PDB file of N, CA and C in Angstrom:
ATOM      1  N   VAL A   1      54.066  87.310 232.775  1.00  0.00           N
ATOM      2  CA  VAL A   1      53.112  86.661 231.684  1.00  0.00           C
ATOM      3  C   VAL A   1      53.767  85.189 232.048  1.00  0.00           C
ATOM      4  N   GLN A   2      51.532  84.466 231.472  1.00  0.00           N
ATOM      5  CA  GLN A   2      51.822  83.414 231.423  1.00  0.00           C
ATOM      6  C   GLN A   2      51.472  82.684 229.794  1.00  0.00           C
ATOM      7  N   LEU A   3      52.182  81.944 229.375  1.00  0.00           N
ATOM      8  CA  LEU A   3      51.586  81.559 227.849  1.00  0.00           C
ATOM      9  C   LEU A   3      50.556  79.703 227.823  1.00  0.00           C
ATOM     10  N   GLN A   4      49.739  80.210 226.884  1.00  0.00           N
ATOM     11  CA  GLN A   4      48.470  78.723 227.030  1.00  0.00           C
ATOM     12  C   GLN A   4      49.185  78.837 225.792  1.00  0.00           C
ATOM     13  N   ALA A   5      49.401  77.560 225.654  1.00  0.00           N
ATOM     14  CA  ALA A   5      49.384  76.676 223.949  1.00  0.00           C
ATOM     15  C   ALA A   5      48.212  75.585 224.022  1.00  0.00           C
ATOM     16  N   SER A   6      47.274  75.168 222.685  1.00  0.00           N
ATOM     17  CA  SER A   6      46.137  74.919 222.705  1.00  0.00           C
ATOM     18  C   SER A   6      46.075  74.359 220.789  1.00  0.00           C
ATOM     19  N   GLY A   7      45.649  74.181 220.494  1.00  0.00           N
ATOM     20  CA  GLY A   7      45.109  73.292 218.792  1.00  0.00           C
ATOM     21  C   GLY A   7      45.905  72.325 218.333  1.00  0.00           C
ATOM     22  N   GLY A   8      46.217  71.171 219.355  1.00  0.00           N
ATOM     23  CA  GLY A   8      47.055  70.282 218.719  1.00  0.00           C
ATOM     24  C   GLY A   8      45.316  69.528 218.367  1.00  0.00           C
ATOM     25  N   GLY A   9      46.530  68.157 218.286  1.00  0.00           N
ATOM     26  CA  GLY A   9      45.514  66.971 217.799  1.00  0.00           C
ATOM     27  C   GLY A   9      45.925  66.147 216.774  1.00  0.00           C
ATOM     28  N   LEU A  10      45.315  65.549 216.490  1.00  0.00           N
ATOM     29  CA  LEU A  10      45.607  64.305 215.527  1.00  0.00           C
ATOM     30  C   LEU A  10      44.840  64.244 214.399  1.00  0.00           C
ATOM     31  N   VAL A  11      45.809  64.275 213.337  1.00  0.00           N
ATOM     32  CA  VAL A  11      45.254  64.605 211.533  1.00  0.00           C
ATOM     33  C   VAL A  11      46.751  63.831 210.917  1.00  0.00           C
ATOM     34  N   GLN A  12      45.547  63.519 209.836  1.00  0.00           N
ATOM     35  CA  GLN A  12      46.158  62.311 208.881  1.00  0.00           C
ATOM     36  C   GLN A  12      47.492  63.042 207.925  1.00  0.00           C
ATOM     37  N   ALA A  13      48.037  62.558 207.374  1.00  0.00           N
ATOM     38  CA  ALA A  13      49.612  63.365 206.832  1.00  0.00           C
ATOM     39  C   ALA A  13      48.425  64.421 205.844  1.00  0.00           C
ATOM     40  N   GLY A  14      49.510  65.049 205.510  1.00  0.00           N
ATOM     41  CA  GLY A  14      49.064  66.080 204.235  1.00  0.00           C
ATOM     42  C   GLY A  14      48.117  67.399 204.967  1.00  0.00           C
ATOM     43  N   GLY A  15      47.532  66.794 206.173  1.00  0.00           N
ATOM     44  CA  GLY A  15      46.398  68.304 206.865  1.00  0.00           C
ATOM     45  C   GLY A  15      47.052  69.370 207.501  1.00  0.00           C
ATOM     46  N   SER A  16      46.316  70.071 207.924  1.00  0.00           N
ATOM     47  CA  SER A  16      46.365  70.895 208.357  1.00  0.00           C
ATOM     48  C   SER A  16      46.358  71.291 210.093  1.00  0.00           C
ATOM     49  N   LEU A  17      46.884  72.163 210.875  1.00  0.00           N
ATOM     50  CA  LEU A  17      46.692  72.228 212.081  1.00  0.00           C
ATOM     51  C   LEU A  17      46.870  74.047 212.232  1.00  0.00           C
ATOM     52  N   ARG A  18      46.397  74.900 213.405  1.00  0.00           N
ATOM     53  CA  ARG A  18      46.574  75.737 213.816  1.00  0.00           C
ATOM     54  C   ARG A  18      46.890  75.918 215.315  1.00  0.00           C
ATOM     55  N   LEU A  19      48.088  76.173 215.906  1.00  0.00           N
ATOM     56  CA  LEU A  19      48.093  76.189 217.187  1.00  0.00           C
ATOM     57  C   LEU A  19      48.010  77.497 217.703  1.00  0.00           C
ATOM     58  N   SER A  20      47.708  77.664 218.720  1.00  0.00           N
ATOM     59  CA  SER A  20      47.703  78.931 219.368  1.00  0.00           C
ATOM     60  C   SER A  20      48.213  79.137 220.723  1.00  0.00           C
ATOM     61  N   CYS A  21      49.068  80.172 220.681  1.00  0.00           N
ATOM     62  CA  CYS A  21      50.020  80.355 222.219  1.00  0.00           C
ATOM     63  C   CYS A  21      49.470  81.725 222.651  1.00  0.00           C
ATOM     64  N   VAL A  22      48.222  81.861 223.687  1.00  0.00           N
ATOM     65  CA  VAL A  22      47.801  82.885 224.434  1.00  0.00           C
ATOM     66  C   VAL A  22      48.500  83.621 225.653  1.00  0.00           C
ATOM     67  N   ALA A  23      48.449  84.460 225.122  1.00  0.00           N
ATOM     68  CA  ALA A  23      49.231  84.715 226.599  1.00  0.00           C
ATOM     69  C   ALA A  23      48.285  86.143 227.540  1.00  0.00           C
ATOM     70  N   SER A  24      49.090  85.828 228.783  1.00  0.00           N
ATOM     71  CA  SER A  24      47.941  86.839 229.768  1.00  0.00           C
ATOM     72  C   SER A  24      48.987  87.356 230.759  1.00  0.00           C
ATOM     73  N   GLY A  25      48.685  88.337 231.309  1.00  0.00           N
ATOM     74  CA  GLY A  25      49.624  88.939 232.418  1.00  0.00           C
ATOM     75  C   GLY A  25      50.291  90.336 231.788  1.00  0.00           C
ATOM     76  N   SER A  26      50.453  90.311 230.246  1.00  0.00           N
ATOM     77  CA  SER A  26      51.369  91.226 229.477  1.00  0.00           C
ATOM     78  C   SER A  26      50.637  91.179 228.109  1.00  0.00           C
ATOM     79  N   THR A  27      50.880  92.293 227.272  1.00  0.00           N
ATOM     80  CA  THR A  27      50.469  91.934 225.968  1.00  0.00           C
ATOM     81  C   THR A  27      51.375  91.264 225.076  1.00  0.00           C
ATOM     82  N   SER A  28      50.984  90.503 224.024  1.00  0.00           N
ATOM     83  CA  SER A  28      51.925  89.273 223.291  1.00  0.00           C
ATOM     84  C   SER A  28      53.044  89.885 222.200  1.00  0.00           C
ATOM     85  N   ASN A  29      52.600  91.262 222.273  1.00  0.00           N
ATOM     86  CA  ASN A  29      52.747  91.800 220.719  1.00  0.00           C
ATOM     87  C   ASN A  29      53.813  92.784 221.240  1.00  0.00           C
ATOM     88  N   SER A  30      54.333  92.873 222.522  1.00  0.00           N
ATOM     89  CA  SER A  30      55.682  93.313 222.972  1.00  0.00           C
ATOM     90  C   SER A  30      56.874  92.507 223.141  1.00  0.00           C
ATOM     91  N   TYR A  31      57.051  91.199 222.540  1.00  0.00           N
ATOM     92  CA  TYR A  31      58.109  90.064 222.923  1.00  0.00           C
ATOM     93  C   TYR A  31      57.799  89.488 221.986  1.00  0.00           C
ATOM     94  N   ALA A  32      59.027  88.658 221.688  1.00  0.00           N
ATOM     95  CA  ALA A  32      59.559  87.590 220.121  1.00  0.00           C
ATOM     96  C   ALA A  32      58.651  86.444 221.256  1.00  0.00           C
ATOM     97  N   ILE A  33      57.528  86.302 220.341  1.00  0.00           N
ATOM     98  CA  ILE A  33      57.724  84.580 220.775  1.00  0.00           C
ATOM     99  C   ILE A  33      58.225  83.444 219.499  1.00  0.00           C
ATOM    100  N   ALA A  34      58.249  82.473 220.142  1.00  0.00           N
ATOM    101  CA  ALA A  34      58.887  81.295 219.063  1.00  0.00           C
ATOM    102  C   ALA A  34      58.090  79.726 219.512  1.00  0.00           C
ATOM    103  N   TRP A  35      58.247  79.304 218.385  1.00  0.00           N
ATOM    104  CA  TRP A  35      57.306  77.986 218.744  1.00  0.00           C
ATOM    105  C   TRP A  35      58.364  76.753 219.017  1.00  0.00           C
ATOM    106  N   TYR A  36      58.367  76.040 219.526  1.00  0.00           N
ATOM    107  CA  TYR A  36      59.200  74.493 219.465  1.00  0.00           C
ATOM    108  C   TYR A  36      58.595  73.611 219.849  1.00  0.00           C
ATOM    109  N   ARG A  37      59.383  72.497 219.254  1.00  0.00           N
ATOM    110  CA  ARG A  37      58.722  71.167 219.615  1.00  0.00           C
ATOM    111  C   ARG A  37      59.944  70.007 219.680  1.00  0.00           C
ATOM    112  N   GLN A  38      58.930  69.089 220.673  1.00  0.00           N
ATOM    113  CA  GLN A  38      60.381  67.654 220.874  1.00  0.00           C
ATOM    114  C   GLN A  38      59.737  66.861 220.283  1.00  0.00           C
ATOM    115  N   ALA A  39      59.928  65.645 219.522  1.00  0.00           N
ATOM    116  CA  ALA A  39      59.413  64.154 219.242  1.00  0.00           C
ATOM    117  C   ALA A  39      59.996  63.767 220.750  1.00  0.00           C
ATOM    118  N   PRO A  40      60.002  62.277 220.706  1.00  0.00           N
ATOM    119  CA  PRO A  40      60.087  61.441 222.197  1.00  0.00           C
ATOM    120  C   PRO A  40      61.544  60.950 221.253  1.00  0.00           C
ATOM    121  N   GLY A  41      62.554  61.214 222.756  1.00  0.00           N
ATOM    122  CA  GLY A  41      63.554  60.310 222.110  1.00  0.00           C
ATOM    123  C   GLY A  41      64.913  61.527 221.551  1.00  0.00           C
ATOM    124  N   LYS A  42      63.665  62.696 221.020  1.00  0.00           N
ATOM    125  CA  LYS A  42      64.931  63.621 219.995  1.00  0.00           C
ATOM    126  C   LYS A  42      64.663  65.606 221.110  1.00  0.00           C
ATOM    127  N   MET A  43      65.844  66.146 220.913  1.00  0.00           N
ATOM    128  CA  MET A  43      65.497  67.477 222.113  1.00  0.00           C
ATOM    129  C   MET A  43      64.707  68.430 221.333  1.00  0.00           C
ATOM    130  N   ARG A  44      63.972  69.628 222.056  1.00  0.00           N
ATOM    131  CA  ARG A  44      63.701  70.412 222.165  1.00  0.00           C
ATOM    132  C   ARG A  44      64.041  71.140 220.676  1.00  0.00           C
ATOM    133  N   GLY A  45      63.151  71.554 219.996  1.00  0.00           N
ATOM    134  CA  GLY A  45      64.179  72.171 218.383  1.00  0.00           C
ATOM    135  C   GLY A  45      63.117  73.482 218.380  1.00  0.00           C
ATOM    136  N   LEU A  46      63.844  74.558 217.678  1.00  0.00           N
ATOM    137  CA  LEU A  46      62.898  75.562 217.287  1.00  0.00           C
ATOM    138  C   LEU A  46      62.469  75.495 215.952  1.00  0.00           C
ATOM    139  N   VAL A  47      61.354  75.627 215.977  1.00  0.00           N
ATOM    140  CA  VAL A  47      60.402  75.299 214.411  1.00  0.00           C
ATOM    141  C   VAL A  47      60.168  76.461 213.641  1.00  0.00           C
ATOM    142  N   ALA A  48      59.737  78.070 214.811  1.00  0.00           N
ATOM    143  CA  ALA A  48      59.106  79.146 214.295  1.00  0.00           C
ATOM    144  C   ALA A  48      59.317  79.923 215.140  1.00  0.00           C
ATOM    145  N   ARG A  49      59.564  81.762 214.407  1.00  0.00           N
ATOM    146  CA  ARG A  49      59.714  82.666 215.473  1.00  0.00           C
ATOM    147  C   ARG A  49      59.249  83.785 214.955  1.00  0.00           C
ATOM    148  N   ILE A  50      58.360  84.600 215.525  1.00  0.00           N
ATOM    149  CA  ILE A  50      58.131  86.084 215.313  1.00  0.00           C
ATOM    150  C   ILE A  50      58.809  87.410 215.720  1.00  0.00           C
ATOM    151  N   SER A  51      59.326  88.244 215.488  1.00  0.00           N
ATOM    152  CA  SER A  51      59.785  89.478 216.367  1.00  0.00           C
ATOM    153  C   SER A  51      59.106  90.093 217.341  1.00  0.00           C
ATOM    154  N   ILE A  52      59.605  91.282 217.855  1.00  0.00           N
ATOM    155  CA  ILE A  52      58.377  92.552 218.211  1.00  0.00           C
ATOM    156  C   ILE A  52      57.934  93.162 216.954  1.00  0.00           C
ATOM    157  N   THR A  53      58.724  93.132 216.157  1.00  0.00           N
ATOM    158  CA  THR A  53      58.222  94.135 214.759  1.00  0.00           C
ATOM    159  C   THR A  53      57.356  93.015 213.587  1.00  0.00           C
ATOM    160  N   GLY A  54      57.697  91.984 214.089  1.00  0.00           N
ATOM    161  CA  GLY A  54      56.711  91.008 212.697  1.00  0.00           C
ATOM    162  C   GLY A  54      57.516  89.981 211.997  1.00  0.00           C
ATOM    163  N   VAL A  55      59.457  90.134 212.197  1.00  0.00           N
ATOM    164  CA  VAL A  55      59.408  89.410 211.231  1.00  0.00           C
ATOM    165  C   VAL A  55      59.713  88.118 211.879  1.00  0.00           C
ATOM    166  N   THR A  56      59.856  87.209 210.624  1.00  0.00           N
ATOM    167  CA  THR A  56      59.753  85.528 210.691  1.00  0.00           C
ATOM    168  C   THR A  56      60.977  84.927 210.288  1.00  0.00           C
ATOM    169  N   SER A  57      60.795  83.874 211.280  1.00  0.00           N
ATOM    170  CA  SER A  57      61.994  83.041 210.497  1.00  0.00           C
ATOM    171  C   SER A  57      61.360  81.381 211.060  1.00  0.00           C
ATOM    172  N   TYR A  58      61.895  80.022 210.185  1.00  0.00           N
ATOM    173  CA  TYR A  58      61.772  79.051 210.543  1.00  0.00           C
ATOM    174  C   TYR A  58      62.107  78.031 210.664  1.00  0.00           C
ATOM    175  N   ALA A  59      62.208  77.225 211.043  1.00  0.00           N
ATOM    176  CA  ALA A  59      63.257  76.001 210.846  1.00  0.00           C
ATOM    177  C   ALA A  59      63.135  75.322 209.315  1.00  0.00           C
ATOM    178  N   ASP A  60      64.110  74.849 208.363  1.00  0.00           N
ATOM    179  CA  ASP A  60      63.915  74.493 207.144  1.00  0.00           C
ATOM    180  C   ASP A  60      62.683  73.484 207.488  1.00  0.00           C
ATOM    181  N   SER A  61      62.524  72.509 208.252  1.00  0.00           N
ATOM    182  CA  SER A  61      62.082  71.345 207.604  1.00  0.00           C
ATOM    183  C   SER A  61      60.710  71.653 207.944  1.00  0.00           C
ATOM    184  N   VAL A  62      60.123  73.425 208.434  1.00  0.00           N
ATOM    185  CA  VAL A  62      58.922  73.791 208.068  1.00  0.00           C
ATOM    186  C   VAL A  62      58.556  75.061 207.059  1.00  0.00           C
ATOM    187  N   LYS A  63      59.379  74.828 206.355  1.00  0.00           N
ATOM    188  CA  LYS A  63      59.438  76.376 206.025  1.00  0.00           C
ATOM    189  C   LYS A  63      59.005  75.983 204.144  1.00  0.00           C
ATOM    190  N   GLY A  64      57.597  77.158 204.153  1.00  0.00           N
ATOM    191  CA  GLY A  64      57.319  76.514 202.875  1.00  0.00           C
ATOM    192  C   GLY A  64      55.555  76.106 203.329  1.00  0.00           C
ATOM    193  N   ARG A  65      55.738  75.550 204.978  1.00  0.00           N
ATOM    194  CA  ARG A  65      54.456  74.836 204.821  1.00  0.00           C
ATOM    195  C   ARG A  65      53.837  75.648 206.310  1.00  0.00           C
ATOM    196  N   SER A  66      54.543  76.541 206.877  1.00  0.00           N
ATOM    197  CA  SER A  66      54.239  76.764 208.532  1.00  0.00           C
ATOM    198  C   SER A  66      54.129  78.446 208.283  1.00  0.00           C
ATOM    199  N   THR A  67      53.563  78.912 209.272  1.00  0.00           N
ATOM    200  CA  THR A  67      53.253  80.455 208.887  1.00  0.00           C
ATOM    201  C   THR A  67      52.850  80.605 210.410  1.00  0.00           C
ATOM    202  N   ILE A  68      53.942  81.514 210.809  1.00  0.00           N
ATOM    203  CA  ILE A  68      53.046  82.136 212.475  1.00  0.00           C
ATOM    204  C   ILE A  68      53.219  83.728 211.767  1.00  0.00           C
ATOM    205  N   SER A  69      52.079  84.057 213.293  1.00  0.00           N
ATOM    206  CA  SER A  69      51.428  85.757 212.586  1.00  0.00           C
ATOM    207  C   SER A  69      51.054  85.841 213.987  1.00  0.00           C
ATOM    208  N   ARG A  70      50.811  86.854 214.507  1.00  0.00           N
ATOM    209  CA  ARG A  70      50.101  87.329 215.752  1.00  0.00           C
ATOM    210  C   ARG A  70      48.595  87.905 215.531  1.00  0.00           C
ATOM    211  N   ASP A  71      47.966  87.649 216.722  1.00  0.00           N
ATOM    212  CA  ASP A  71      46.941  87.849 216.199  1.00  0.00           C
ATOM    213  C   ASP A  71      46.086  89.131 217.193  1.00  0.00           C
ATOM    214  N   ASN A  72      46.372  90.156 217.472  1.00  0.00           N
ATOM    215  CA  ASN A  72      46.333  90.833 218.616  1.00  0.00           C
ATOM    216  C   ASN A  72      44.954  90.793 219.156  1.00  0.00           C
ATOM    217  N   ALA A  73      43.910  90.899 218.974  1.00  0.00           N
ATOM    218  CA  ALA A  73      42.469  90.556 219.370  1.00  0.00           C
ATOM    219  C   ALA A  73      42.585  89.583 220.402  1.00  0.00           C
ATOM    220  N   LYS A  74      42.782  87.803 219.763  1.00  0.00           N
ATOM    221  CA  LYS A  74      42.908  87.607 220.812  1.00  0.00           C
ATOM    222  C   LYS A  74      44.865  87.680 221.601  1.00  0.00           C
ATOM    223  N   ASN A  75      45.393  88.382 221.698  1.00  0.00           N
ATOM    224  CA  ASN A  75      46.822  88.465 222.416  1.00  0.00           C
ATOM    225  C   ASN A  75      47.439  87.306 222.202  1.00  0.00           C
ATOM    226  N   SER A  76      47.670  86.488 220.972  1.00  0.00           N
ATOM    227  CA  SER A  76      48.042  84.999 220.367  1.00  0.00           C
ATOM    228  C   SER A  76      48.992  85.685 219.431  1.00  0.00           C
ATOM    229  N   VAL A  77      49.959  84.223 219.041  1.00  0.00           N
ATOM    230  CA  VAL A  77      50.847  83.997 218.559  1.00  0.00           C
ATOM    231  C   VAL A  77      50.558  82.669 218.341  1.00  0.00           C
ATOM    232  N   ASP A  78      49.835  82.675 216.832  1.00  0.00           N
ATOM    233  CA  ASP A  78      49.248  81.225 215.732  1.00  0.00           C
ATOM    234  C   ASP A  78      50.815  80.815 215.300  1.00  0.00           C
ATOM    235  N   LEU A  79      50.509  79.293 214.823  1.00  0.00           N
ATOM    236  CA  LEU A  79      51.451  78.655 213.748  1.00  0.00           C
ATOM    237  C   LEU A  79      50.302  77.591 213.193  1.00  0.00           C
ATOM    238  N   GLN A  80      49.882  78.157 211.843  1.00  0.00           N
ATOM    239  CA  GLN A  80      49.985  77.669 210.866  1.00  0.00           C
ATOM    240  C   GLN A  80      50.087  76.304 210.363  1.00  0.00           C
ATOM    241  N   MET A  81      50.282  75.121 210.412  1.00  0.00           N
ATOM    242  CA  MET A  81      51.181  74.204 209.653  1.00  0.00           C
ATOM    243  C   MET A  81      49.974  73.581 208.684  1.00  0.00           C
ATOM    244  N   ASN A  82      50.554  73.605 207.861  1.00  0.00           N
ATOM    245  CA  ASN A  82      50.091  72.844 206.514  1.00  0.00           C
ATOM    246  C   ASN A  82      50.673  71.494 205.783  1.00  0.00           C
ATOM    247  N   SER A  83      50.197  70.722 205.253  1.00  0.00           N
ATOM    248  CA  SER A  83      50.774  69.799 204.305  1.00  0.00           C
ATOM    249  C   SER A  83      51.885  68.952 205.859  1.00  0.00           C
ATOM    250  N   LEU A  84      50.874  68.513 206.586  1.00  0.00           N
ATOM    251  CA  LEU A  84      51.877  67.773 207.737  1.00  0.00           C
ATOM    252  C   LEU A  84      52.123  66.330 207.349  1.00  0.00           C
ATOM    253  N   LYS A  85      52.915  66.178 208.145  1.00  0.00           N
ATOM    254  CA  LYS A  85      53.734  65.200 207.604  1.00  0.00           C
ATOM    255  C   LYS A  85      54.061  64.271 208.600  1.00  0.00           C
ATOM    256  N   PRO A  86      54.219  62.647 209.049  1.00  0.00           N
ATOM    257  CA  PRO A  86      54.558  61.624 210.350  1.00  0.00           C
ATOM    258  C   PRO A  86      55.416  62.616 211.380  1.00  0.00           C
ATOM    259  N   GLU A  87      56.860  63.135 210.475  1.00  0.00           N
ATOM    260  CA  GLU A  87      57.751  63.373 210.724  1.00  0.00           C
ATOM    261  C   GLU A  87      57.175  65.062 211.821  1.00  0.00           C
ATOM    262  N   ASP A  88      56.454  65.428 212.147  1.00  0.00           N
ATOM    263  CA  ASP A  88      56.071  66.869 211.769  1.00  0.00           C
ATOM    264  C   ASP A  88      55.453  66.082 213.592  1.00  0.00           C
ATOM    265  N   THR A  89      55.412  65.059 213.513  1.00  0.00           N
ATOM    266  CA  THR A  89      55.267  64.215 214.979  1.00  0.00           C
ATOM    267  C   THR A  89      55.581  64.968 216.558  1.00  0.00           C
ATOM    268  N   ALA A  90      55.339  65.653 217.419  1.00  0.00           N
ATOM    269  CA  ALA A  90      55.828  65.816 218.690  1.00  0.00           C
ATOM    270  C   ALA A  90      54.933  66.693 219.570  1.00  0.00           C
ATOM    271  N   VAL A  91      55.300  66.871 220.578  1.00  0.00           N
ATOM    272  CA  VAL A  91      54.596  67.843 221.909  1.00  0.00           C
ATOM    273  C   VAL A  91      55.382  69.795 221.216  1.00  0.00           C
ATOM    274  N   TYR A  92      54.876  70.385 220.894  1.00  0.00           N
ATOM    275  CA  TYR A  92      54.843  71.378 220.660  1.00  0.00           C
ATOM    276  C   TYR A  92      54.890  72.905 221.508  1.00  0.00           C
ATOM    277  N   TYR A  93      55.380  73.178 222.187  1.00  0.00           N
ATOM    278  CA  TYR A  93      55.407  74.329 223.056  1.00  0.00           C
ATOM    279  C   TYR A  93      55.608  75.857 222.165  1.00  0.00           C
ATOM    280  N   CYS A  94      54.998  76.943 223.315  1.00  0.00           N
ATOM    281  CA  CYS A  94      55.299  77.931 222.160  1.00  0.00           C
ATOM    282  C   CYS A  94      56.453  78.745 223.613  1.00  0.00           C
ATOM    283  N   ASN A  95      57.157  79.759 223.427  1.00  0.00           N
ATOM    284  CA  ASN A  95      58.130  80.498 224.551  1.00  0.00           C
ATOM    285  C   ASN A  95      58.382  81.588 224.010  1.00  0.00           C
ATOM    286  N   ARG A  96      57.993  82.513 225.528  1.00  0.00           N
ATOM    287  CA  ARG A  96      58.429  84.156 225.075  1.00  0.00           C
ATOM    288  C   ARG A  96      60.659  83.832 224.891  1.00  0.00           C
ATOM    289  N   TYR A  97      60.740  84.441 223.298  1.00  0.00           N
ATOM    290  CA  TYR A  97      61.676  83.920 223.299  1.00  0.00           C
ATOM    291  C   TYR A  97      63.311  84.564 224.075  1.00  0.00           C
ATOM    292  N   GLY A  98      64.228  83.759 224.303  1.00  0.00           N
ATOM    293  CA  GLY A  98      65.151  84.119 224.844  1.00  0.00           C
ATOM    294  C   GLY A  98      64.515  83.924 226.443  1.00  0.00           C
ATOM    295  N   THR A  99      63.410  83.765 226.984  1.00  0.00           N
ATOM    296  CA  THR A  99      63.137  83.444 228.080  1.00  0.00           C
ATOM    297  C   THR A  99      62.894  81.906 228.420  1.00  0.00           C
ATOM    298  N   GLY A 100      62.684  82.083 230.086  1.00  0.00           N
ATOM    299  CA  GLY A 100      62.676  80.394 230.857  1.00  0.00           C
ATOM    300  C   GLY A 100      60.898  80.665 230.940  1.00  0.00           C
ATOM    301  N   VAL A 101      60.039  81.543 230.127  1.00  0.00           N
ATOM    302  CA  VAL A 101      58.506  81.445 230.124  1.00  0.00           C
ATOM    303  C   VAL A 101      57.680  80.426 229.197  1.00  0.00           C
ATOM    304  N   TRP A 102      57.972  79.363 229.262  1.00  0.00           N
ATOM    305  CA  TRP A 102      56.869  78.332 228.033  1.00  0.00           C
ATOM    306  C   TRP A 102      55.341  78.434 228.312  1.00  0.00           C
ATOM    307  N   GLY A 103      54.791  77.895 227.184  1.00  0.00           N
ATOM    308  CA  GLY A 103      53.266  77.390 227.603  1.00  0.00           C
ATOM    309  C   GLY A 103      53.738  76.128 227.772  1.00  0.00           C
ATOM    310  N   GLN A 104      52.447  75.262 228.103  1.00  0.00           N
ATOM    311  CA  GLN A 104      52.835  73.543 228.624  1.00  0.00           C
ATOM    312  C   GLN A 104      52.893  72.741 227.770  1.00  0.00           C
ATOM    313  N   GLY A 105      52.634  73.203 226.258  1.00  0.00           N
ATOM    314  CA  GLY A 105      52.681  72.195 225.450  1.00  0.00           C
ATOM    315  C   GLY A 105      51.353  71.259 224.929  1.00  0.00           C
ATOM    316  N   THR A 106      51.410  70.916 223.914  1.00  0.00           N
ATOM    317  CA  THR A 106      50.303  70.601 222.674  1.00  0.00           C
ATOM    318  C   THR A 106      50.800  69.712 221.864  1.00  0.00           C
ATOM    319  N   GLN A 107      49.904  68.300 221.893  1.00  0.00           N
ATOM    320  CA  GLN A 107      50.421  67.061 221.425  1.00  0.00           C
ATOM    321  C   GLN A 107      50.012  67.625 219.892  1.00  0.00           C
ATOM    322  N   VAL A 108      51.063  67.561 218.898  1.00  0.00           N
ATOM    323  CA  VAL A 108      50.694  66.867 217.270  1.00  0.00           C
ATOM    324  C   VAL A 108      51.002  65.761 217.260  1.00  0.00           C
ATOM    325  N   THR A 109      50.021  65.072 216.234  1.00  0.00           N
ATOM    326  CA  THR A 109      50.090  63.665 216.095  1.00  0.00           C
ATOM    327  C   THR A 109      49.709  63.523 214.489  1.00  0.00           C
ATOM    328  N   VAL A 110      50.784  63.220 213.799  1.00  0.00           N
ATOM    329  CA  VAL A 110      50.228  63.390 211.928  1.00  0.00           C
ATOM    330  C   VAL A 110      50.169  61.736 211.689  1.00  0.00           C
ATOM    331  N   SER A 111      49.253  61.309 211.523  1.00  0.00           N
ATOM    332  CA  SER A 111      49.414  59.627 210.857  1.00  0.00           C
ATOM    333  C   SER A 111      49.415  59.653 209.527  1.00  0.00           C
ATOM    334  N   SER A 112      50.064  58.181 209.048  1.00  0.00           N
ATOM    335  CA  SER A 112      50.529  58.370 207.433  1.00  0.00           C
ATOM    336  C   SER A 112      49.653  57.170 207.148  1.00  0.00           C
TER     337      SER A 112
END
């Protein structure tokens, strides 16, 4: 399986972005997918996760502002982020949860 992340960009504080993680080589709804982010000088941290059964979980820092969901038609897992803050600025990666399979990362920059 390969993962392709996209959807990042430059947005003003308070804006929204929708990140997409498209899987190839397998059906994405057959495994858990997670989104992580890494800001400069910081460790990569978990942002959100969706299980095979659709159970979701979020980091406290994005809870209430973000929604992770599956789009089976696109074979993707999307991360909708609203009310973005400058501290959300990071490279965002998707991951087949618990494995070494990662997407290439997409940059999110939130200006104040």
